[in-house]
Amino acid sequence: MDLPFRDELALMPDLRHRLRQLRWFRATFRGSAKMMSDTFGVRFEIDEAKLTRAFLDWVEIMEAQKRFAAVDRADFIVFAAGLVLRELIKQAPVREISGLSQLIETDRNAGTLEIVRFWPEGFLYTNYCVSVISAVHEQEFGSAPSIDKCADDLRTWWSYRENVTEMPAYAVAFLDRFLGAEPNWITPDRAQSRQAMQRALKFARTPEALRQL
């Protein structure tokens, strides 16, 4: 999965905190949609009210679990982005209004073009969230998570779309899968159920640290 908007995001200082502000969230999401339009020729209509609702619902859900950022900050960034993805899929603020332009397929882009044709809105939501994770990780830890090859597999996207249509929380699990982590399919939107969090809690230094959770 190519991330054409990642570099632009990475130039924004203190990205992790800025994206908790509605105006920055909306601006960066619109920027990602424009980048996708410029890259693939697909055009979108964005419902700003639904986009705002997705953000507000995300903030409420994330705030209830933000204590786990102190357990494993790197994993919590991925988890928080997964919650964004869940809300974008749930609220569906984007609608495709024109299809892909006639781009020349190459060995490099053929898989991506198939996915964009199949689910342009889902690709936009997912690409935005993966770009955010990558940019924030680069700012805070010096490197970004690797993207698994399944992110370019149309069969995976068929399963992804089918499952999140029935249960939007599965978006968190599929995002983990795209980043090469072991998904939690039982309670994907609970931070304490994540493998990375469980490992970190197991080796928590003091009982006091556990009581804070």
N, C-alpha and C. Protein backbone atom coordinates (compact mmCIF):
# COMPACT_ATOMS: atom_id res chain seq x y z
N MET A 1 0.85 -1.19 0.00
CA MET A 1 0.00 0.00 0.00
C MET A 1 0.88 1.24 0.00
N ASP A 2 0.77 2.01 -1.07
CA ASP A 2 1.50 3.27 -1.12
C ASP A 2 0.78 4.29 -0.24
N LEU A 3 1.56 5.21 0.34
CA LEU A 3 1.01 6.22 1.24
C LEU A 3 1.41 7.61 0.75
N PRO A 4 0.77 8.11 -0.30
CA PRO A 4 1.20 9.37 -0.89
C PRO A 4 1.03 10.57 0.03
N PHE A 5 0.15 10.49 1.02
CA PHE A 5 -0.09 11.62 1.92
C PHE A 5 0.78 11.59 3.17
N ARG A 6 1.50 10.50 3.38
CA ARG A 6 2.27 10.35 4.62
C ARG A 6 3.32 11.45 4.80
N ASP A 7 4.05 11.74 3.74
CA ASP A 7 5.13 12.72 3.86
C ASP A 7 4.60 14.10 4.23
N GLU A 8 3.45 14.44 3.68
CA GLU A 8 2.85 15.74 4.03
C GLU A 8 2.44 15.76 5.49
N LEU A 9 1.88 14.67 5.97
CA LEU A 9 1.51 14.59 7.39
C LEU A 9 2.74 14.69 8.29
N ALA A 10 3.81 14.02 7.88
CA ALA A 10 5.01 13.98 8.72
C ALA A 10 5.64 15.36 8.89
N LEU A 11 5.33 16.30 8.00
CA LEU A 11 5.88 17.65 8.09
C LEU A 11 5.16 18.50 9.14
N MET A 12 4.02 18.02 9.61
CA MET A 12 3.25 18.79 10.60
C MET A 12 3.82 18.55 11.98
N PRO A 13 4.28 19.58 12.68
CA PRO A 13 4.84 19.39 14.02
C PRO A 13 3.79 18.85 14.99
N ASP A 14 4.24 17.98 15.89
CA ASP A 14 3.37 17.46 16.95
C ASP A 14 2.07 16.90 16.39
N LEU A 15 2.20 16.07 15.37
CA LEU A 15 1.03 15.57 14.66
C LEU A 15 0.06 14.84 15.57
N ARG A 16 0.59 14.03 16.48
CA ARG A 16 -0.28 13.21 17.34
C ARG A 16 -1.27 14.08 18.12
N HIS A 17 -0.82 15.21 18.64
CA HIS A 17 -1.72 16.06 19.40
C HIS A 17 -2.59 16.93 18.50
N ARG A 18 -2.07 17.35 17.37
CA ARG A 18 -2.88 18.19 16.47
C ARG A 18 -4.10 17.44 15.96
N LEU A 19 -3.94 16.15 15.70
CA LEU A 19 -5.05 15.39 15.15
C LEU A 19 -6.17 15.17 16.16
N ARG A 20 -5.96 15.54 17.39
CA ARG A 20 -7.04 15.48 18.38
C ARG A 20 -7.91 16.74 18.34
N GLN A 21 -7.57 17.64 17.44
CA GLN A 21 -8.36 18.86 17.25
C GLN A 21 -9.18 18.71 15.96
N LEU A 22 -10.45 19.05 16.04
CA LEU A 22 -11.36 18.82 14.92
C LEU A 22 -10.87 19.49 13.65
N ARG A 23 -10.40 20.72 13.73
CA ARG A 23 -10.04 21.42 12.50
C ARG A 23 -8.86 20.76 11.79
N TRP A 24 -7.89 20.22 12.57
CA TRP A 24 -6.76 19.54 11.96
C TRP A 24 -7.17 18.19 11.40
N PHE A 25 -8.03 17.51 12.12
CA PHE A 25 -8.54 16.22 11.62
C PHE A 25 -9.25 16.41 10.29
N ARG A 26 -10.15 17.38 10.22
CA ARG A 26 -10.89 17.61 8.99
C ARG A 26 -9.97 18.05 7.87
N ALA A 27 -9.02 18.93 8.18
CA ALA A 27 -8.12 19.43 7.14
C ALA A 27 -7.25 18.32 6.58
N THR A 28 -6.71 17.48 7.46
CA THR A 28 -5.84 16.40 6.98
C THR A 28 -6.63 15.34 6.23
N PHE A 29 -7.84 15.06 6.67
CA PHE A 29 -8.65 14.08 5.94
C PHE A 29 -8.99 14.59 4.55
N ARG A 30 -9.37 15.86 4.45
CA ARG A 30 -9.64 16.44 3.14
C ARG A 30 -8.38 16.42 2.26
N GLY A 31 -7.23 16.69 2.89
CA GLY A 31 -5.97 16.64 2.14
C GLY A 31 -5.69 15.24 1.61
N SER A 32 -5.98 14.23 2.41
CA SER A 32 -5.79 12.85 1.97
C SER A 32 -6.72 12.51 0.81
N ALA A 33 -7.97 12.97 0.89
CA ALA A 33 -8.92 12.72 -0.20
C ALA A 33 -8.46 13.40 -1.48
N LYS A 34 -7.93 14.62 -1.37
CA LYS A 34 -7.43 15.32 -2.55
C LYS A 34 -6.23 14.60 -3.15
N MET A 35 -5.34 14.13 -2.29
CA MET A 35 -4.17 13.41 -2.77
C MET A 35 -4.59 12.15 -3.52
N MET A 36 -5.59 11.47 -3.00
CA MET A 36 -6.07 10.26 -3.67
C MET A 36 -6.71 10.60 -5.01
N SER A 37 -7.44 11.73 -5.05
CA SER A 37 -8.02 12.17 -6.31
C SER A 37 -6.94 12.49 -7.33
N ASP A 38 -5.89 13.19 -6.87
CA ASP A 38 -4.80 13.54 -7.77
C ASP A 38 -4.05 12.30 -8.27
N THR A 39 -3.96 11.29 -7.40
CA THR A 39 -3.19 10.09 -7.74
C THR A 39 -3.97 9.14 -8.64
N PHE A 40 -5.25 8.96 -8.34
CA PHE A 40 -6.03 7.94 -9.06
C PHE A 40 -7.13 8.51 -9.94
N GLY A 41 -7.41 9.79 -9.82
CA GLY A 41 -8.46 10.38 -10.64
C GLY A 41 -9.86 10.15 -10.12
N VAL A 42 -9.99 9.50 -8.97
CA VAL A 42 -11.31 9.28 -8.38
C VAL A 42 -11.68 10.51 -7.55
N ARG A 43 -12.93 10.94 -7.66
CA ARG A 43 -13.38 12.13 -6.94
C ARG A 43 -14.40 11.75 -5.88
N PHE A 44 -14.34 12.49 -4.78
CA PHE A 44 -15.19 12.19 -3.63
C PHE A 44 -16.01 13.41 -3.24
N GLU A 45 -17.16 13.12 -2.66
CA GLU A 45 -17.96 14.13 -1.97
C GLU A 45 -17.88 13.83 -0.48
N ILE A 46 -17.54 14.83 0.32
CA ILE A 46 -17.37 14.63 1.76
C ILE A 46 -18.51 15.33 2.50
N ASP A 47 -19.20 14.57 3.31
CA ASP A 47 -20.26 15.11 4.17
C ASP A 47 -19.60 15.59 5.46
N GLU A 48 -19.48 16.91 5.61
CA GLU A 48 -18.75 17.46 6.75
C GLU A 48 -19.44 17.15 8.08
N ALA A 49 -20.76 17.07 8.07
CA ALA A 49 -21.47 16.75 9.32
C ALA A 49 -21.15 15.33 9.77
N LYS A 50 -21.13 14.39 8.83
CA LYS A 50 -20.80 13.01 9.19
C LYS A 50 -19.33 12.88 9.59
N LEU A 51 -18.46 13.64 8.92
CA LEU A 51 -17.05 13.60 9.28
C LEU A 51 -16.84 14.14 10.68
N THR A 52 -17.56 15.20 11.02
CA THR A 52 -17.47 15.75 12.38
C THR A 52 -18.00 14.76 13.40
N ARG A 53 -19.09 14.08 13.08
CA ARG A 53 -19.65 13.08 14.00
C ARG A 53 -18.68 11.93 14.20
N ALA A 54 -18.02 11.50 13.15
CA ALA A 54 -17.02 10.44 13.27
C ALA A 54 -15.91 10.87 14.23
N PHE A 55 -15.47 12.12 14.10
CA PHE A 55 -14.40 12.62 14.97
C PHE A 55 -14.87 12.69 16.42
N LEU A 56 -16.04 13.24 16.66
CA LEU A 56 -16.52 13.41 18.03
C LEU A 56 -16.76 12.06 18.71
N ASP A 57 -17.31 11.11 17.97
CA ASP A 57 -17.52 9.78 18.53
C ASP A 57 -16.18 9.10 18.82
N TRP A 58 -15.20 9.31 17.92
CA TRP A 58 -13.86 8.75 18.14
C TRP A 58 -13.25 9.32 19.42
N VAL A 59 -13.33 10.63 19.59
CA VAL A 59 -12.74 11.26 20.78
C VAL A 59 -13.36 10.68 22.05
N GLU A 60 -14.66 10.52 22.06
CA GLU A 60 -15.35 9.99 23.24
C GLU A 60 -14.88 8.57 23.56
N ILE A 61 -14.79 7.75 22.53
CA ILE A 61 -14.37 6.36 22.73
C ILE A 61 -12.91 6.28 23.15
N MET A 62 -12.07 7.08 22.50
CA MET A 62 -10.65 7.05 22.82
C MET A 62 -10.37 7.56 24.23
N GLU A 63 -11.06 8.62 24.63
CA GLU A 63 -10.85 9.19 25.96
C GLU A 63 -11.12 8.16 27.04
N ALA A 64 -12.10 7.30 26.80
CA ALA A 64 -12.44 6.28 27.80
C ALA A 64 -11.34 5.24 27.96
N GLN A 65 -10.42 5.15 26.97
CA GLN A 65 -9.37 4.12 27.02
C GLN A 65 -7.96 4.71 26.97
N LYS A 66 -7.84 6.03 27.03
CA LYS A 66 -6.54 6.66 26.80
C LYS A 66 -5.50 6.32 27.87
N ARG A 67 -5.95 5.79 29.01
CA ARG A 67 -4.99 5.38 30.05
C ARG A 67 -4.03 4.32 29.53
N PHE A 68 -4.43 3.57 28.52
CA PHE A 68 -3.56 2.51 28.00
C PHE A 68 -2.42 3.06 27.16
N ALA A 69 -2.46 4.35 26.85
CA ALA A 69 -1.32 4.96 26.16
C ALA A 69 -0.07 4.90 27.03
N ALA A 70 -0.26 4.90 28.36
CA ALA A 70 0.88 4.82 29.27
C ALA A 70 1.43 3.40 29.36
N VAL A 71 0.67 2.43 28.91
CA VAL A 71 1.12 1.03 28.95
C VAL A 71 2.04 0.73 27.77
N ASP A 72 1.58 1.09 26.57
CA ASP A 72 2.38 0.87 25.36
C ASP A 72 1.96 1.95 24.36
N ARG A 73 2.70 3.05 24.33
CA ARG A 73 2.31 4.20 23.53
C ARG A 73 2.31 3.88 22.05
N ALA A 74 3.31 3.14 21.58
CA ALA A 74 3.38 2.82 20.16
C ALA A 74 2.17 2.02 19.72
N ASP A 75 1.79 1.03 20.52
CA ASP A 75 0.62 0.22 20.16
C ASP A 75 -0.66 1.02 20.29
N PHE A 76 -0.73 1.92 21.27
CA PHE A 76 -1.94 2.71 21.44
C PHE A 76 -2.18 3.64 20.25
N ILE A 77 -1.11 4.12 19.64
CA ILE A 77 -1.26 4.95 18.44
C ILE A 77 -1.95 4.16 17.33
N VAL A 78 -1.53 2.92 17.15
CA VAL A 78 -2.17 2.05 16.15
C VAL A 78 -3.63 1.80 16.54
N PHE A 79 -3.86 1.51 17.81
CA PHE A 79 -5.22 1.25 18.27
C PHE A 79 -6.11 2.47 18.07
N ALA A 80 -5.61 3.66 18.43
CA ALA A 80 -6.40 4.88 18.28
C ALA A 80 -6.76 5.12 16.81
N ALA A 81 -5.81 4.87 15.91
CA ALA A 81 -6.10 5.00 14.48
C ALA A 81 -7.14 3.98 14.04
N GLY A 82 -7.09 2.79 14.63
CA GLY A 82 -8.09 1.78 14.33
C GLY A 82 -9.49 2.23 14.73
N LEU A 83 -9.58 2.94 15.85
CA LEU A 83 -10.87 3.48 16.28
C LEU A 83 -11.36 4.56 15.33
N VAL A 84 -10.43 5.39 14.82
CA VAL A 84 -10.80 6.36 13.80
C VAL A 84 -11.38 5.65 12.58
N LEU A 85 -10.69 4.60 12.15
CA LEU A 85 -11.15 3.84 10.99
C LEU A 85 -12.53 3.26 11.23
N ARG A 86 -12.74 2.74 12.42
CA ARG A 86 -14.07 2.20 12.75
C ARG A 86 -15.15 3.25 12.59
N GLU A 87 -14.89 4.46 13.11
CA GLU A 87 -15.91 5.51 13.06
C GLU A 87 -16.11 6.04 11.64
N LEU A 88 -15.04 6.11 10.85
CA LEU A 88 -15.19 6.54 9.46
C LEU A 88 -16.06 5.55 8.69
N ILE A 89 -15.81 4.27 8.89
CA ILE A 89 -16.61 3.25 8.20
C ILE A 89 -18.05 3.29 8.70
N LYS A 90 -18.21 3.49 9.99
CA LYS A 90 -19.55 3.51 10.57
C LYS A 90 -20.36 4.72 10.10
N GLN A 91 -19.74 5.89 10.10
CA GLN A 91 -20.45 7.12 9.73
C GLN A 91 -20.52 7.33 8.22
N ALA A 92 -19.57 6.75 7.49
CA ALA A 92 -19.54 6.84 6.01
C ALA A 92 -19.67 8.28 5.50
N PRO A 93 -18.70 9.14 5.83
CA PRO A 93 -18.80 10.54 5.43
C PRO A 93 -18.41 10.81 3.97
N VAL A 94 -17.96 9.79 3.25
CA VAL A 94 -17.44 9.99 1.90
C VAL A 94 -18.27 9.19 0.90
N ARG A 95 -18.49 9.82 -0.26
CA ARG A 95 -19.17 9.13 -1.35
C ARG A 95 -18.40 9.37 -2.64
N GLU A 96 -18.12 8.31 -3.37
CA GLU A 96 -17.46 8.45 -4.66
C GLU A 96 -18.42 9.09 -5.65
N ILE A 97 -17.94 10.11 -6.38
CA ILE A 97 -18.81 10.76 -7.36
C ILE A 97 -18.29 10.60 -8.78
N SER A 98 -17.07 10.09 -8.94
CA SER A 98 -16.58 9.71 -10.27
C SER A 98 -15.48 8.69 -10.10
N GLY A 99 -15.41 7.74 -11.03
CA GLY A 99 -14.48 6.63 -10.91
C GLY A 99 -13.07 6.98 -11.31
N LEU A 100 -12.22 5.96 -11.31
CA LEU A 100 -10.82 6.15 -11.64
C LEU A 100 -10.65 6.64 -13.06
N SER A 101 -9.64 7.49 -13.24
CA SER A 101 -9.26 7.87 -14.59
C SER A 101 -8.54 6.68 -15.24
N GLN A 102 -8.32 6.77 -16.50
CA GLN A 102 -7.69 5.66 -17.23
C GLN A 102 -6.18 5.68 -16.98
N LEU A 103 -5.79 5.11 -15.86
CA LEU A 103 -4.37 5.06 -15.52
C LEU A 103 -3.75 3.81 -16.13
N ILE A 104 -2.49 3.91 -16.45
CA ILE A 104 -1.76 2.78 -17.00
C ILE A 104 -1.38 1.83 -15.88
N GLU A 105 -1.81 0.58 -16.00
CA GLU A 105 -1.48 -0.40 -14.97
C GLU A 105 -0.05 -0.90 -15.17
N THR A 106 0.65 -1.02 -14.04
CA THR A 106 1.98 -1.59 -14.05
C THR A 106 2.01 -2.70 -13.00
N ASP A 107 3.11 -3.43 -12.95
CA ASP A 107 3.24 -4.47 -11.92
C ASP A 107 3.15 -3.86 -10.53
N ARG A 108 3.59 -2.62 -10.40
CA ARG A 108 3.61 -1.97 -9.09
C ARG A 108 2.22 -1.53 -8.62
N ASN A 109 1.40 -1.01 -9.54
CA ASN A 109 0.15 -0.41 -9.09
C ASN A 109 -1.10 -1.23 -9.39
N ALA A 110 -0.96 -2.36 -10.07
CA ALA A 110 -2.12 -3.13 -10.50
C ALA A 110 -3.01 -3.54 -9.32
N GLY A 111 -2.38 -4.05 -8.25
CA GLY A 111 -3.16 -4.48 -7.09
C GLY A 111 -3.89 -3.33 -6.44
N THR A 112 -3.22 -2.18 -6.32
CA THR A 112 -3.85 -1.01 -5.70
C THR A 112 -5.02 -0.52 -6.53
N LEU A 113 -4.88 -0.48 -7.83
CA LEU A 113 -5.98 -0.02 -8.69
C LEU A 113 -7.20 -0.93 -8.56
N GLU A 114 -6.98 -2.23 -8.45
CA GLU A 114 -8.09 -3.15 -8.25
C GLU A 114 -8.83 -2.84 -6.96
N ILE A 115 -8.09 -2.56 -5.90
CA ILE A 115 -8.70 -2.27 -4.60
C ILE A 115 -9.46 -0.96 -4.63
N VAL A 116 -8.87 0.06 -5.25
CA VAL A 116 -9.54 1.36 -5.33
C VAL A 116 -10.83 1.24 -6.13
N ARG A 117 -10.81 0.49 -7.21
CA ARG A 117 -12.04 0.28 -8.00
C ARG A 117 -13.10 -0.45 -7.16
N PHE A 118 -12.64 -1.44 -6.40
CA PHE A 118 -13.56 -2.26 -5.62
C PHE A 118 -14.22 -1.47 -4.49
N TRP A 119 -13.42 -0.67 -3.76
CA TRP A 119 -13.96 0.04 -2.59
C TRP A 119 -13.20 1.35 -2.40
N PRO A 120 -13.50 2.36 -3.20
CA PRO A 120 -12.74 3.61 -3.11
C PRO A 120 -12.85 4.31 -1.77
N GLU A 121 -14.05 4.31 -1.18
CA GLU A 121 -14.22 4.98 0.11
C GLU A 121 -13.42 4.25 1.20
N GLY A 122 -13.52 2.93 1.22
CA GLY A 122 -12.79 2.16 2.22
C GLY A 122 -11.29 2.31 2.07
N PHE A 123 -10.83 2.37 0.81
CA PHE A 123 -9.40 2.57 0.59
C PHE A 123 -8.96 3.93 1.11
N LEU A 124 -9.76 4.96 0.88
CA LEU A 124 -9.43 6.29 1.40
C LEU A 124 -9.36 6.29 2.92
N TYR A 125 -10.38 5.73 3.58
CA TYR A 125 -10.37 5.70 5.05
C TYR A 125 -9.13 4.97 5.57
N THR A 126 -8.86 3.82 4.98
CA THR A 126 -7.76 2.99 5.47
C THR A 126 -6.42 3.63 5.18
N ASN A 127 -6.25 4.16 3.97
CA ASN A 127 -5.00 4.79 3.60
C ASN A 127 -4.71 5.99 4.49
N TYR A 128 -5.75 6.74 4.82
CA TYR A 128 -5.57 7.89 5.72
C TYR A 128 -5.07 7.43 7.08
N CYS A 129 -5.71 6.41 7.64
CA CYS A 129 -5.33 5.95 8.98
C CYS A 129 -3.93 5.34 9.00
N VAL A 130 -3.57 4.57 7.98
CA VAL A 130 -2.22 4.00 7.91
C VAL A 130 -1.20 5.12 7.73
N SER A 131 -1.52 6.13 6.95
CA SER A 131 -0.61 7.27 6.77
C SER A 131 -0.39 8.00 8.08
N VAL A 132 -1.45 8.17 8.86
CA VAL A 132 -1.33 8.83 10.17
C VAL A 132 -0.43 8.02 11.09
N ILE A 133 -0.66 6.72 11.17
CA ILE A 133 0.18 5.86 12.00
C ILE A 133 1.63 5.98 11.59
N SER A 134 1.88 5.88 10.30
CA SER A 134 3.25 5.93 9.80
C SER A 134 3.92 7.25 10.13
N ALA A 135 3.21 8.36 9.90
CA ALA A 135 3.79 9.68 10.16
C ALA A 135 4.04 9.91 11.64
N VAL A 136 3.09 9.52 12.49
CA VAL A 136 3.26 9.72 13.93
C VAL A 136 4.39 8.84 14.47
N HIS A 137 4.46 7.60 14.03
CA HIS A 137 5.54 6.72 14.47
C HIS A 137 6.90 7.25 14.03
N GLU A 138 6.98 7.80 12.83
CA GLU A 138 8.24 8.36 12.37
C GLU A 138 8.64 9.55 13.23
N GLN A 139 7.68 10.39 13.60
CA GLN A 139 7.97 11.53 14.45
C GLN A 139 8.40 11.12 15.86
N GLU A 140 7.74 10.12 16.40
CA GLU A 140 7.93 9.80 17.81
C GLU A 140 8.96 8.70 18.06
N PHE A 141 9.11 7.80 17.10
CA PHE A 141 9.99 6.66 17.33
C PHE A 141 11.08 6.50 16.27
N GLY A 142 11.03 7.33 15.24
CA GLY A 142 12.07 7.30 14.22
C GLY A 142 11.86 6.31 13.09
N SER A 143 10.82 5.49 13.17
CA SER A 143 10.52 4.54 12.11
C SER A 143 9.04 4.18 12.15
N ALA A 144 8.54 3.73 11.01
CA ALA A 144 7.13 3.40 10.89
C ALA A 144 6.94 1.89 10.85
N PRO A 145 5.77 1.39 11.25
CA PRO A 145 5.51 -0.05 11.13
C PRO A 145 5.53 -0.49 9.67
N SER A 146 5.94 -1.72 9.44
CA SER A 146 5.92 -2.27 8.09
C SER A 146 4.49 -2.61 7.70
N ILE A 147 4.21 -2.53 6.42
CA ILE A 147 2.88 -2.87 5.91
C ILE A 147 2.92 -4.27 5.32
N ASP A 148 2.01 -5.11 5.77
CA ASP A 148 1.98 -6.50 5.31
C ASP A 148 1.49 -6.57 3.86
N LYS A 149 1.94 -7.59 3.16
CA LYS A 149 1.57 -7.75 1.75
C LYS A 149 0.07 -7.98 1.57
N CYS A 150 -0.62 -8.41 2.63
CA CYS A 150 -2.06 -8.64 2.51
C CYS A 150 -2.80 -7.33 2.25
N ALA A 151 -2.18 -6.19 2.55
CA ALA A 151 -2.81 -4.90 2.30
C ALA A 151 -2.97 -4.62 0.81
N ASP A 152 -2.30 -5.39 -0.03
CA ASP A 152 -2.40 -5.24 -1.48
C ASP A 152 -3.12 -6.43 -2.12
N ASP A 153 -3.80 -7.21 -1.30
CA ASP A 153 -4.49 -8.41 -1.77
C ASP A 153 -5.99 -8.13 -1.85
N LEU A 154 -6.54 -8.15 -3.05
CA LEU A 154 -7.96 -7.84 -3.21
C LEU A 154 -8.85 -8.81 -2.43
N ARG A 155 -8.44 -10.06 -2.30
CA ARG A 155 -9.25 -11.02 -1.54
C ARG A 155 -9.38 -10.61 -0.09
N THR A 156 -8.31 -10.06 0.48
CA THR A 156 -8.37 -9.57 1.85
C THR A 156 -9.35 -8.42 1.96
N TRP A 157 -9.36 -7.57 0.95
CA TRP A 157 -10.27 -6.41 0.97
C TRP A 157 -11.73 -6.84 0.80
N TRP A 158 -11.98 -7.91 0.05
CA TRP A 158 -13.33 -8.45 -0.01
C TRP A 158 -13.81 -8.84 1.39
N SER A 159 -12.96 -9.58 2.10
CA SER A 159 -13.29 -10.00 3.45
C SER A 159 -13.43 -8.80 4.39
N TYR A 160 -12.53 -7.86 4.25
CA TYR A 160 -12.54 -6.64 5.05
C TYR A 160 -13.87 -5.91 4.90
N ARG A 161 -14.27 -5.64 3.67
CA ARG A 161 -15.50 -4.88 3.44
C ARG A 161 -16.72 -5.63 3.95
N GLU A 162 -16.76 -6.93 3.69
CA GLU A 162 -17.91 -7.73 4.13
C GLU A 162 -18.03 -7.74 5.64
N ASN A 163 -16.90 -7.90 6.33
CA ASN A 163 -16.95 -8.01 7.79
C ASN A 163 -17.24 -6.68 8.48
N VAL A 164 -16.63 -5.59 8.02
CA VAL A 164 -16.88 -4.31 8.69
C VAL A 164 -18.27 -3.77 8.40
N THR A 165 -18.88 -4.22 7.30
CA THR A 165 -20.26 -3.83 7.04
C THR A 165 -21.17 -4.38 8.12
N GLU A 166 -20.87 -5.60 8.58
CA GLU A 166 -21.67 -6.23 9.63
C GLU A 166 -21.24 -5.76 11.03
N MET A 167 -19.94 -5.53 11.21
CA MET A 167 -19.43 -5.15 12.52
C MET A 167 -18.27 -4.17 12.33
N PRO A 168 -18.53 -2.85 12.42
CA PRO A 168 -17.48 -1.86 12.17
C PRO A 168 -16.25 -2.02 13.05
N ALA A 169 -16.40 -2.60 14.24
CA ALA A 169 -15.24 -2.78 15.12
C ALA A 169 -14.16 -3.66 14.51
N TYR A 170 -14.54 -4.50 13.56
CA TYR A 170 -13.54 -5.33 12.89
C TYR A 170 -12.51 -4.49 12.13
N ALA A 171 -12.81 -3.23 11.90
CA ALA A 171 -11.85 -2.35 11.24
C ALA A 171 -10.55 -2.28 12.02
N VAL A 172 -10.64 -2.31 13.35
CA VAL A 172 -9.43 -2.27 14.19
C VAL A 172 -8.59 -3.51 13.93
N ALA A 173 -9.24 -4.65 13.85
CA ALA A 173 -8.52 -5.91 13.63
C ALA A 173 -7.89 -5.96 12.25
N PHE A 174 -8.61 -5.51 11.24
CA PHE A 174 -8.05 -5.53 9.89
C PHE A 174 -6.88 -4.55 9.77
N LEU A 175 -6.97 -3.41 10.45
CA LEU A 175 -5.85 -2.48 10.42
C LEU A 175 -4.61 -3.12 11.04
N ASP A 176 -4.79 -3.82 12.15
CA ASP A 176 -3.67 -4.55 12.75
C ASP A 176 -3.10 -5.56 11.76
N ARG A 177 -3.98 -6.25 11.07
CA ARG A 177 -3.52 -7.25 10.10
C ARG A 177 -2.72 -6.60 8.98
N PHE A 178 -3.17 -5.46 8.50
CA PHE A 178 -2.45 -4.75 7.44
C PHE A 178 -1.05 -4.33 7.91
N LEU A 179 -0.90 -4.13 9.20
CA LEU A 179 0.39 -3.70 9.75
C LEU A 179 1.20 -4.88 10.29
N GLY A 180 0.75 -6.08 9.99
CA GLY A 180 1.53 -7.27 10.33
C GLY A 180 1.41 -7.73 11.76
N ALA A 181 0.44 -7.20 12.50
CA ALA A 181 0.23 -7.61 13.89
C ALA A 181 -0.86 -8.67 13.96
N GLU A 182 -0.90 -9.39 15.07
CA GLU A 182 -1.92 -10.41 15.26
C GLU A 182 -3.22 -9.74 15.70
N PRO A 183 -4.28 -9.82 14.91
CA PRO A 183 -5.52 -9.13 15.28
C PRO A 183 -6.23 -9.81 16.44
N ASN A 184 -7.02 -9.03 17.14
CA ASN A 184 -7.93 -9.55 18.15
C ASN A 184 -9.33 -9.51 17.55
N TRP A 185 -9.85 -10.68 17.18
CA TRP A 185 -11.14 -10.73 16.51
C TRP A 185 -12.31 -10.78 17.49
N ILE A 186 -12.04 -11.01 18.76
CA ILE A 186 -13.12 -11.16 19.74
C ILE A 186 -13.63 -9.79 20.21
N THR A 187 -12.71 -8.98 20.73
CA THR A 187 -13.06 -7.63 21.18
C THR A 187 -12.03 -6.65 20.61
N PRO A 188 -12.07 -6.42 19.31
CA PRO A 188 -11.02 -5.62 18.67
C PRO A 188 -10.94 -4.18 19.13
N ASP A 189 -12.04 -3.62 19.65
CA ASP A 189 -12.03 -2.22 20.04
C ASP A 189 -11.85 -2.02 21.54
N ARG A 190 -11.27 -3.01 22.21
CA ARG A 190 -10.91 -2.87 23.64
C ARG A 190 -9.40 -2.92 23.76
N ALA A 191 -8.81 -1.84 24.22
CA ALA A 191 -7.34 -1.72 24.28
C ALA A 191 -6.74 -2.82 25.15
N GLN A 192 -7.38 -3.13 26.27
CA GLN A 192 -6.78 -4.09 27.20
C GLN A 192 -6.72 -5.50 26.64
N SER A 193 -7.45 -5.76 25.54
CA SER A 193 -7.45 -7.10 24.94
C SER A 193 -6.36 -7.28 23.89
N ARG A 194 -5.63 -6.24 23.59
CA ARG A 194 -4.60 -6.32 22.56
C ARG A 194 -3.38 -7.07 23.08
N GLN A 195 -2.76 -7.84 22.22
CA GLN A 195 -1.61 -8.64 22.64
C GLN A 195 -0.48 -7.77 23.16
N ALA A 196 -0.20 -6.67 22.49
CA ALA A 196 0.89 -5.78 22.94
C ALA A 196 0.59 -5.23 24.33
N MET A 197 -0.66 -4.88 24.58
CA MET A 197 -1.03 -4.37 25.90
C MET A 197 -0.93 -5.45 26.96
N GLN A 198 -1.35 -6.66 26.61
CA GLN A 198 -1.26 -7.76 27.56
C GLN A 198 0.20 -8.05 27.93
N ARG A 199 1.08 -8.01 26.94
CA ARG A 199 2.51 -8.23 27.23
C ARG A 199 3.05 -7.13 28.11
N ALA A 200 2.68 -5.89 27.81
CA ALA A 200 3.19 -4.77 28.61
C ALA A 200 2.66 -4.83 30.03
N LEU A 201 1.40 -5.19 30.20
CA LEU A 201 0.83 -5.29 31.53
C LEU A 201 1.47 -6.43 32.33
N LYS A 202 1.81 -7.49 31.64
CA LYS A 202 2.44 -8.63 32.30
C LYS A 202 3.76 -8.23 32.94
N PHE A 203 4.47 -7.32 32.28
CA PHE A 203 5.78 -6.91 32.79
C PHE A 203 5.75 -5.52 33.42
N ALA A 204 4.55 -5.08 33.82
CA ALA A 204 4.46 -3.79 34.51
C ALA A 204 5.32 -3.83 35.76
N ARG A 205 5.98 -2.75 36.02
CA ARG A 205 7.00 -2.74 37.07
C ARG A 205 6.44 -2.81 38.48
N THR A 206 5.31 -2.15 38.73
CA THR A 206 4.82 -2.06 40.10
C THR A 206 3.31 -2.31 40.15
N PRO A 207 2.81 -2.76 41.30
CA PRO A 207 1.37 -2.88 41.47
C PRO A 207 0.66 -1.54 41.30
N GLU A 208 1.34 -0.44 41.68
CA GLU A 208 0.75 0.88 41.55
C GLU A 208 0.45 1.19 40.09
N ALA A 209 1.34 0.78 39.19
CA ALA A 209 1.12 1.02 37.77
C ALA A 209 -0.12 0.30 37.29
N LEU A 210 -0.34 -0.92 37.80
CA LEU A 210 -1.52 -1.67 37.41
C LEU A 210 -2.79 -1.05 37.98
N ARG A 211 -2.71 -0.55 39.21
CA ARG A 211 -3.90 0.04 39.83
C ARG A 211 -4.36 1.29 39.09
N GLN A 212 -3.43 2.00 38.44
CA GLN A 212 -3.80 3.20 37.71
C GLN A 212 -4.69 2.90 36.51
N LEU A 213 -4.70 1.65 36.08
CA LEU A 213 -5.52 1.26 34.95
C LEU A 213 -6.93 0.84 35.40
